[in-house]
Amino acid sequence: MPKVFKWVRVGALVAPAVSEVLRYPGDPNVVNTIMESYTGYNMVNGTWNIEALKRGWLPYLGACLATYGIPKISSILRRL
């Protein structure tokens, strides 16, 4: 089961980049959009955007919370 959880986390980490590539196929600006999703920094405008950072990292944080938190809560409830 831990291997499945690992792949859920990896998939959630890669999902924003794959989403951008599929949304704008062949667009040369897609690399900037992907980098903005993971760093929050737009290299073209020179601005920092918290919304882009959320778009890139919230799926991964949610997957980590689910794959680590749910089994932990389940084990705590089993002991009660």
N, C-alpha and C. Protein backbone atom coordinates (compact mmCIF):
# COMPACT_ATOMS: atom_id res chain seq x y z
N MET A 1 0.80 -1.20 0.00
CA MET A 1 0.00 0.00 0.00
C MET A 1 0.85 1.28 0.00
N PRO A 2 1.98 1.33 0.71
CA PRO A 2 2.79 2.56 0.68
C PRO A 2 3.27 2.94 -0.71
N LYS A 3 3.48 1.95 -1.59
CA LYS A 3 3.91 2.26 -2.94
C LYS A 3 2.81 3.03 -3.70
N VAL A 4 1.57 2.65 -3.45
CA VAL A 4 0.44 3.34 -4.07
C VAL A 4 0.40 4.79 -3.58
N PHE A 5 0.60 4.99 -2.29
CA PHE A 5 0.60 6.34 -1.74
C PHE A 5 1.72 7.18 -2.33
N LYS A 6 2.86 6.56 -2.55
CA LYS A 6 3.99 7.28 -3.15
C LYS A 6 3.60 7.78 -4.54
N TRP A 7 2.97 6.93 -5.33
CA TRP A 7 2.59 7.32 -6.69
C TRP A 7 1.47 8.34 -6.71
N VAL A 8 0.62 8.33 -5.69
CA VAL A 8 -0.41 9.38 -5.57
C VAL A 8 0.27 10.73 -5.35
N ARG A 9 1.29 10.76 -4.48
CA ARG A 9 2.01 12.01 -4.22
C ARG A 9 2.78 12.48 -5.45
N VAL A 10 3.43 11.55 -6.15
CA VAL A 10 4.17 11.91 -7.36
C VAL A 10 3.22 12.44 -8.43
N GLY A 11 2.07 11.79 -8.58
CA GLY A 11 1.08 12.25 -9.55
C GLY A 11 0.55 13.63 -9.22
N ALA A 12 0.34 13.90 -7.94
CA ALA A 12 -0.14 15.22 -7.54
C ALA A 12 0.93 16.29 -7.75
N LEU A 13 2.18 15.92 -7.64
CA LEU A 13 3.27 16.87 -7.87
C LEU A 13 3.42 17.20 -9.36
N VAL A 14 3.19 16.23 -10.21
CA VAL A 14 3.36 16.40 -11.65
C VAL A 14 2.10 16.96 -12.31
N ALA A 15 0.96 16.79 -11.69
CA ALA A 15 -0.33 17.15 -12.30
C ALA A 15 -0.43 18.61 -12.78
N PRO A 16 0.04 19.62 -12.02
CA PRO A 16 -0.07 20.98 -12.54
C PRO A 16 0.72 21.21 -13.83
N ALA A 17 1.88 20.60 -13.95
CA ALA A 17 2.69 20.76 -15.17
C ALA A 17 2.01 20.07 -16.35
N VAL A 18 1.51 18.88 -16.13
CA VAL A 18 0.83 18.15 -17.20
C VAL A 18 -0.43 18.90 -17.62
N SER A 19 -1.12 19.46 -16.67
CA SER A 19 -2.33 20.23 -16.97
C SER A 19 -2.02 21.43 -17.87
N GLU A 20 -0.96 22.13 -17.57
CA GLU A 20 -0.58 23.30 -18.38
C GLU A 20 -0.15 22.88 -19.79
N VAL A 21 0.57 21.78 -19.90
CA VAL A 21 1.01 21.32 -21.21
C VAL A 21 -0.19 20.90 -22.06
N LEU A 22 -1.16 20.24 -21.43
CA LEU A 22 -2.34 19.81 -22.18
C LEU A 22 -3.28 20.97 -22.49
N ARG A 23 -3.29 21.98 -21.65
CA ARG A 23 -4.16 23.14 -21.88
C ARG A 23 -3.66 24.00 -23.03
N TYR A 24 -2.34 24.17 -23.14
CA TYR A 24 -1.74 25.02 -24.18
C TYR A 24 -0.72 24.23 -24.98
N PRO A 25 -1.15 23.28 -25.81
CA PRO A 25 -0.17 22.49 -26.55
C PRO A 25 0.56 23.33 -27.60
N GLY A 26 1.85 23.19 -27.64
CA GLY A 26 2.67 23.91 -28.62
C GLY A 26 2.95 25.35 -28.29
N ASP A 27 2.48 25.85 -27.16
CA ASP A 27 2.72 27.24 -26.77
C ASP A 27 4.12 27.36 -26.17
N PRO A 28 4.96 28.25 -26.71
CA PRO A 28 6.32 28.37 -26.16
C PRO A 28 6.34 29.00 -24.75
N ASN A 29 5.26 29.65 -24.36
CA ASN A 29 5.19 30.29 -23.05
C ASN A 29 4.78 29.30 -21.95
N VAL A 30 4.52 28.04 -22.31
CA VAL A 30 4.06 27.08 -21.32
C VAL A 30 5.15 26.78 -20.29
N VAL A 31 6.41 26.86 -20.67
CA VAL A 31 7.50 26.63 -19.71
C VAL A 31 7.48 27.70 -18.62
N ASN A 32 7.24 28.94 -19.02
CA ASN A 32 7.13 30.02 -18.04
C ASN A 32 5.94 29.79 -17.11
N THR A 33 4.84 29.33 -17.67
CA THR A 33 3.65 29.08 -16.85
C THR A 33 3.89 27.94 -15.86
N ILE A 34 4.58 26.90 -16.29
CA ILE A 34 4.89 25.79 -15.39
C ILE A 34 5.84 26.24 -14.29
N MET A 35 6.87 27.00 -14.64
CA MET A 35 7.79 27.50 -13.64
C MET A 35 7.09 28.43 -12.65
N GLU A 36 6.16 29.22 -13.16
CA GLU A 36 5.39 30.10 -12.28
C GLU A 36 4.53 29.30 -11.32
N SER A 37 4.00 28.16 -11.77
CA SER A 37 3.18 27.32 -10.91
C SER A 37 3.97 26.74 -9.75
N TYR A 38 5.23 26.41 -9.97
CA TYR A 38 6.01 25.79 -8.91
C TYR A 38 6.82 26.78 -8.07
N THR A 39 7.15 27.93 -8.63
CA THR A 39 7.95 28.90 -7.87
C THR A 39 7.16 30.13 -7.46
N GLY A 40 6.09 30.44 -8.19
CA GLY A 40 5.32 31.64 -7.92
C GLY A 40 5.87 32.86 -8.62
N TYR A 41 7.00 32.72 -9.28
CA TYR A 41 7.66 33.86 -9.93
C TYR A 41 7.45 33.79 -11.44
N ASN A 42 6.96 34.88 -12.02
CA ASN A 42 6.77 34.97 -13.46
C ASN A 42 8.04 35.58 -14.05
N MET A 43 8.75 34.82 -14.86
CA MET A 43 10.02 35.28 -15.42
C MET A 43 9.84 36.35 -16.49
N VAL A 44 8.69 36.38 -17.14
CA VAL A 44 8.45 37.37 -18.19
C VAL A 44 8.13 38.73 -17.59
N ASN A 45 7.21 38.77 -16.62
CA ASN A 45 6.80 40.04 -16.01
C ASN A 45 7.70 40.45 -14.85
N GLY A 46 8.40 39.50 -14.27
CA GLY A 46 9.22 39.80 -13.09
C GLY A 46 8.38 40.00 -11.84
N THR A 47 7.23 39.34 -11.79
CA THR A 47 6.34 39.47 -10.63
C THR A 47 6.22 38.14 -9.91
N TRP A 48 5.77 38.23 -8.66
CA TRP A 48 5.55 37.04 -7.85
C TRP A 48 4.07 36.93 -7.58
N ASN A 49 3.51 35.72 -7.76
CA ASN A 49 2.07 35.52 -7.66
C ASN A 49 1.77 34.35 -6.74
N ILE A 50 1.11 34.62 -5.62
CA ILE A 50 0.79 33.57 -4.66
C ILE A 50 -0.25 32.61 -5.21
N GLU A 51 -1.15 33.09 -6.07
CA GLU A 51 -2.18 32.22 -6.66
C GLU A 51 -1.54 31.15 -7.55
N ALA A 52 -0.53 31.51 -8.30
CA ALA A 52 0.16 30.53 -9.14
C ALA A 52 0.88 29.51 -8.27
N LEU A 53 1.44 29.95 -7.17
CA LEU A 53 2.11 29.04 -6.24
C LEU A 53 1.12 28.05 -5.65
N LYS A 54 -0.06 28.53 -5.31
CA LYS A 54 -1.12 27.64 -4.81
C LYS A 54 -1.52 26.63 -5.87
N ARG A 55 -1.66 27.09 -7.09
CA ARG A 55 -2.06 26.21 -8.19
C ARG A 55 -1.06 25.07 -8.37
N GLY A 56 0.20 25.33 -8.13
CA GLY A 56 1.22 24.31 -8.32
C GLY A 56 1.41 23.38 -7.14
N TRP A 57 1.23 23.87 -5.90
CA TRP A 57 1.57 23.07 -4.74
C TRP A 57 0.40 22.53 -3.94
N LEU A 58 -0.81 23.10 -4.06
CA LEU A 58 -1.93 22.59 -3.27
C LEU A 58 -2.31 21.15 -3.59
N PRO A 59 -2.25 20.71 -4.86
CA PRO A 59 -2.55 19.29 -5.08
C PRO A 59 -1.56 18.36 -4.36
N TYR A 60 -0.30 18.73 -4.35
CA TYR A 60 0.70 17.91 -3.66
C TYR A 60 0.49 17.93 -2.15
N LEU A 61 0.22 19.09 -1.61
CA LEU A 61 0.00 19.17 -0.16
C LEU A 61 -1.25 18.40 0.24
N GLY A 62 -2.28 18.46 -0.58
CA GLY A 62 -3.49 17.69 -0.31
C GLY A 62 -3.23 16.19 -0.37
N ALA A 63 -2.44 15.76 -1.34
CA ALA A 63 -2.11 14.34 -1.45
C ALA A 63 -1.27 13.88 -0.26
N CYS A 64 -0.34 14.71 0.17
CA CYS A 64 0.47 14.36 1.35
C CYS A 64 -0.40 14.27 2.60
N LEU A 65 -1.29 15.21 2.74
CA LEU A 65 -2.20 15.18 3.89
C LEU A 65 -3.04 13.91 3.86
N ALA A 66 -3.53 13.54 2.69
CA ALA A 66 -4.36 12.35 2.58
C ALA A 66 -3.56 11.07 2.79
N THR A 67 -2.38 10.98 2.20
CA THR A 67 -1.63 9.72 2.28
C THR A 67 -0.91 9.52 3.61
N TYR A 68 -0.60 10.59 4.30
CA TYR A 68 0.01 10.45 5.62
C TYR A 68 -1.01 10.61 6.74
N GLY A 69 -1.93 11.53 6.58
CA GLY A 69 -2.87 11.85 7.65
C GLY A 69 -3.96 10.83 7.85
N ILE A 70 -4.56 10.36 6.77
CA ILE A 70 -5.68 9.42 6.90
C ILE A 70 -5.24 8.10 7.55
N PRO A 71 -4.12 7.49 7.14
CA PRO A 71 -3.70 6.27 7.86
C PRO A 71 -3.38 6.53 9.34
N LYS A 72 -2.82 7.68 9.63
CA LYS A 72 -2.50 8.00 11.03
C LYS A 72 -3.78 8.14 11.85
N ILE A 73 -4.75 8.85 11.32
CA ILE A 73 -6.03 9.02 12.02
C ILE A 73 -6.72 7.67 12.17
N SER A 74 -6.64 6.85 11.13
CA SER A 74 -7.24 5.52 11.19
C SER A 74 -6.61 4.67 12.28
N SER A 75 -5.31 4.73 12.41
CA SER A 75 -4.65 3.93 13.47
C SER A 75 -4.99 4.46 14.85
N ILE A 76 -5.15 5.76 14.98
CA ILE A 76 -5.54 6.32 16.27
C ILE A 76 -6.95 5.87 16.64
N LEU A 77 -7.86 5.90 15.66
CA LEU A 77 -9.24 5.48 15.92
C LEU A 77 -9.33 3.99 16.21
N ARG A 78 -8.47 3.19 15.60
CA ARG A 78 -8.47 1.74 15.85
C ARG A 78 -8.10 1.43 17.30
N ARG A 79 -7.24 2.26 17.87
CA ARG A 79 -6.80 2.03 19.25
C ARG A 79 -7.85 2.40 20.29
N LEU A 80 -8.82 3.21 19.90
CA LEU A 80 -9.84 3.64 20.87
C LEU A 80 -10.82 2.56 21.23
